[in-house]
């Protein structure tokens, strides 16, 4: 299990809910072309406004260590789904995704 603490900002928050790891594995079970197929991952965070989840990639198969995944909650066979963006560092994820989501979240009048 990943014991490092990450600094999330809303709408992202820390999460280790195993049901979402199980859902990812279910979605990838028949999708060998997907970049996370048969990779070992750990959930560390989620976006509270959509079905996006941040996983650490816990193997050393390549330089990417973080995966931002939009779960579909359906069985997938197209390698494009679930939509996944890979990042080398948490800081790269923050700059490319989390900080933008936070700015939109702060600007939301609702």
C-alpha atoms as a PDB file:
ATOM      1  CA  UNK A   1       0.000   0.000   0.000  1.00  0.00           C
ATOM      2  CA  UNK A   2       1.171   3.506  -0.829  1.00  0.00           C
ATOM      3  CA  UNK A   3       1.923   5.322   2.447  1.00  0.00           C
ATOM      4  CA  UNK A   4       2.954   8.697   0.992  1.00  0.00           C
ATOM      5  CA  UNK A   5       0.638  11.642   1.653  1.00  0.00           C
ATOM      6  CA  UNK A   6      -0.387  13.854  -1.258  1.00  0.00           C
ATOM      7  CA  UNK A   7      -1.757  17.394  -1.044  1.00  0.00           C
ATOM      8  CA  UNK A   8      -5.108  17.423  -2.832  1.00  0.00           C
ATOM      9  CA  UNK A   9      -7.250  20.516  -3.377  1.00  0.00           C
ATOM     10  CA  UNK A  10     -10.993  20.540  -4.009  1.00  0.00           C
ATOM     11  CA  UNK A  11     -12.671  19.124  -5.941  1.00  0.00           C
ATOM     12  CA  UNK A  12      -9.974  16.433  -5.561  1.00  0.00           C
ATOM     13  CA  UNK A  13      -9.635  14.624  -2.253  1.00  0.00           C
ATOM     14  CA  UNK A  14      -7.706  11.727  -0.820  1.00  0.00           C
ATOM     15  CA  UNK A  15      -9.316   8.314  -1.272  1.00  0.00           C
ATOM     16  CA  UNK A  16      -8.321   4.695  -0.863  1.00  0.00           C
ATOM     17  CA  UNK A  17     -11.735   3.112  -1.520  1.00  0.00           C
ATOM     18  CA  UNK A  18     -10.967  -0.357  -2.816  1.00  0.00           C
ATOM     19  CA  UNK A  19     -14.272  -0.615  -4.684  1.00  0.00           C
ATOM     20  CA  UNK A  20     -12.901   1.841  -7.285  1.00  0.00           C
ATOM     21  CA  UNK A  21      -9.727  -0.234  -7.733  1.00  0.00           C
ATOM     22  CA  UNK A  22     -11.968  -3.266  -8.247  1.00  0.00           C
ATOM     23  CA  UNK A  23     -14.057  -1.290 -10.751  1.00  0.00           C
ATOM     24  CA  UNK A  24     -10.941  -0.357 -12.718  1.00  0.00           C
ATOM     25  CA  UNK A  25      -9.871  -4.013 -12.848  1.00  0.00           C
ATOM     26  CA  UNK A  26     -13.382  -5.008 -13.951  1.00  0.00           C
ATOM     27  CA  UNK A  27     -13.369  -2.418 -16.748  1.00  0.00           C
ATOM     28  CA  UNK A  28      -9.936  -3.587 -17.936  1.00  0.00           C
ATOM     29  CA  UNK A  29     -10.506  -7.355 -17.643  1.00  0.00           C
ATOM     30  CA  UNK A  30     -11.156  -7.789 -21.398  1.00  0.00           C
ATOM     31  CA  UNK A  31      -9.157  -4.805 -22.595  1.00  0.00           C
ATOM     32  CA  UNK A  32      -5.538  -5.925 -23.160  1.00  0.00           C
ATOM     33  CA  UNK A  33      -4.794  -2.856 -25.310  1.00  0.00           C
ATOM     34  CA  UNK A  34      -5.368  -0.420 -22.444  1.00  0.00           C
ATOM     35  CA  UNK A  35      -2.258   1.179 -20.920  1.00  0.00           C
ATOM     36  CA  UNK A  36      -3.200  -0.047 -17.412  1.00  0.00           C
ATOM     37  CA  UNK A  37      -4.129  -3.615 -18.372  1.00  0.00           C
ATOM     38  CA  UNK A  38      -2.631  -5.977 -15.755  1.00  0.00           C
ATOM     39  CA  UNK A  39      -0.748  -3.121 -14.057  1.00  0.00           C
ATOM     40  CA  UNK A  40      -0.658  -2.919 -10.266  1.00  0.00           C
ATOM     41  CA  UNK A  41      -2.264   0.339  -9.105  1.00  0.00           C
ATOM     42  CA  UNK A  42      -3.288   1.966  -5.829  1.00  0.00           C
ATOM     43  CA  UNK A  43      -6.056   4.536  -5.547  1.00  0.00           C
ATOM     44  CA  UNK A  44      -4.893   7.735  -3.844  1.00  0.00           C
ATOM     45  CA  UNK A  45      -7.488  10.341  -4.803  1.00  0.00           C
ATOM     46  CA  UNK A  46     -10.714  11.194  -6.564  1.00  0.00           C
ATOM     47  CA  UNK A  47     -12.486  14.163  -8.082  1.00  0.00           C
ATOM     48  CA  UNK A  48     -15.706  14.686  -6.122  1.00  0.00           C
ATOM     49  CA  UNK A  49     -17.521  16.310  -9.068  1.00  0.00           C
ATOM     50  CA  UNK A  50     -16.993  13.537 -11.645  1.00  0.00           C
ATOM     51  CA  UNK A  51     -15.958   9.900 -11.984  1.00  0.00           C
ATOM     52  CA  UNK A  52     -12.228  10.660 -12.176  1.00  0.00           C
ATOM     53  CA  UNK A  53      -9.738   8.878  -9.957  1.00  0.00           C
ATOM     54  CA  UNK A  54      -5.994   9.189  -9.408  1.00  0.00           C
ATOM     55  CA  UNK A  55      -4.024   5.983  -9.059  1.00  0.00           C
ATOM     56  CA  UNK A  56      -0.353   5.413  -8.428  1.00  0.00           C
ATOM     57  CA  UNK A  57       1.204   2.898 -10.792  1.00  0.00           C
ATOM     58  CA  UNK A  58       3.065   0.580  -8.474  1.00  0.00           C
ATOM     59  CA  UNK A  59       5.324  -1.248 -10.904  1.00  0.00           C
ATOM     60  CA  UNK A  60       8.469  -0.135 -12.695  1.00  0.00           C
ATOM     61  CA  UNK A  61       7.454  -1.005 -16.250  1.00  0.00           C
ATOM     62  CA  UNK A  62       7.874   2.584 -17.453  1.00  0.00           C
ATOM     63  CA  UNK A  63       8.443   6.141 -16.247  1.00  0.00           C
ATOM     64  CA  UNK A  64       4.760   6.914 -15.590  1.00  0.00           C
ATOM     65  CA  UNK A  65       3.838   6.706 -11.915  1.00  0.00           C
ATOM     66  CA  UNK A  66       0.350   8.287 -11.825  1.00  0.00           C
ATOM     67  CA  UNK A  67      -2.816   7.583 -13.802  1.00  0.00           C
ATOM     68  CA  UNK A  68      -5.826   9.909 -13.934  1.00  0.00           C
ATOM     69  CA  UNK A  69      -8.685   7.601 -14.928  1.00  0.00           C
ATOM     70  CA  UNK A  70     -12.277   8.462 -15.817  1.00  0.00           C
ATOM     71  CA  UNK A  71     -14.112   5.267 -14.882  1.00  0.00           C
ATOM     72  CA  UNK A  72     -17.083   4.365 -17.091  1.00  0.00           C
ATOM     73  CA  UNK A  73     -18.717   1.804 -14.777  1.00  0.00           C
ATOM     74  CA  UNK A  74     -19.115  -0.501 -17.766  1.00  0.00           C
ATOM     75  CA  UNK A  75     -17.102  -3.363 -19.264  1.00  0.00           C
ATOM     76  CA  UNK A  76     -14.734  -1.890 -21.840  1.00  0.00           C
ATOM     77  CA  UNK A  77     -12.986  -3.406 -24.854  1.00  0.00           C
ATOM     78  CA  UNK A  78     -11.857  -0.216 -26.600  1.00  0.00           C
ATOM     79  CA  UNK A  79      -8.314   0.706 -25.404  1.00  0.00           C
ATOM     80  CA  UNK A  80      -9.389   4.377 -25.253  1.00  0.00           C
ATOM     81  CA  UNK A  81     -11.717   3.558 -22.340  1.00  0.00           C
ATOM     82  CA  UNK A  82     -11.631   4.134 -19.538  1.00  0.00           C
ATOM     83  CA  UNK A  83     -10.061   7.433 -20.570  1.00  0.00           C
ATOM     84  CA  UNK A  84      -6.638   7.637 -18.910  1.00  0.00           C
ATOM     85  CA  UNK A  85      -3.940  10.271 -18.691  1.00  0.00           C
ATOM     86  CA  UNK A  86      -0.521   9.194 -17.430  1.00  0.00           C
ATOM     87  CA  UNK A  87       1.883  11.384 -15.479  1.00  0.00           C
ATOM     88  CA  UNK A  88       5.474  10.905 -14.356  1.00  0.00           C
ATOM     89  CA  UNK A  89       5.045  12.871 -11.112  1.00  0.00           C
ATOM     90  CA  UNK A  90       2.309  14.104  -8.803  1.00  0.00           C
ATOM     91  CA  UNK A  91       3.446  17.639  -9.586  1.00  0.00           C
ATOM     92  CA  UNK A  92       2.876  17.029 -13.294  1.00  0.00           C
ATOM     93  CA  UNK A  93      -0.660  15.800 -12.505  1.00  0.00           C
ATOM     94  CA  UNK A  94      -1.266  18.909 -10.367  1.00  0.00           C
ATOM     95  CA  UNK A  95      -0.161  21.282 -13.118  1.00  0.00           C
ATOM     96  CA  UNK A  96      -2.013  19.505 -15.929  1.00  0.00           C
ATOM     97  CA  UNK A  97      -5.229  18.583 -14.139  1.00  0.00           C
ATOM     98  CA  UNK A  98      -5.836  19.195 -10.449  1.00  0.00           C
ATOM     99  CA  UNK A  99      -4.985  22.906 -10.379  1.00  0.00           C
ATOM    100  CA  UNK A 100      -7.249  23.541 -13.391  1.00  0.00           C
ATOM    101  CA  UNK A 101     -10.094  21.602 -11.765  1.00  0.00           C
ATOM    102  CA  UNK A 102      -9.568  23.590  -8.552  1.00  0.00           C
ATOM    103  CA  UNK A 103      -9.761  26.907 -10.401  1.00  0.00           C
ATOM    104  CA  UNK A 104     -13.018  25.819 -12.090  1.00  0.00           C
ATOM    105  CA  UNK A 105     -14.372  24.577  -8.779  1.00  0.00           C
ATOM    106  CA  UNK A 106     -13.599  27.898  -7.060  1.00  0.00           C
ATOM    107  CA  UNK A 107     -15.256  29.804  -9.910  1.00  0.00           C
ATOM    108  CA  UNK A 108     -18.448  27.741  -9.731  1.00  0.00           C
ATOM    109  CA  UNK A 109     -21.193  29.993  -8.305  1.00  0.00           C
ATOM    110  CA  UNK A 110     -23.290  26.974  -7.301  1.00  0.00           C
END
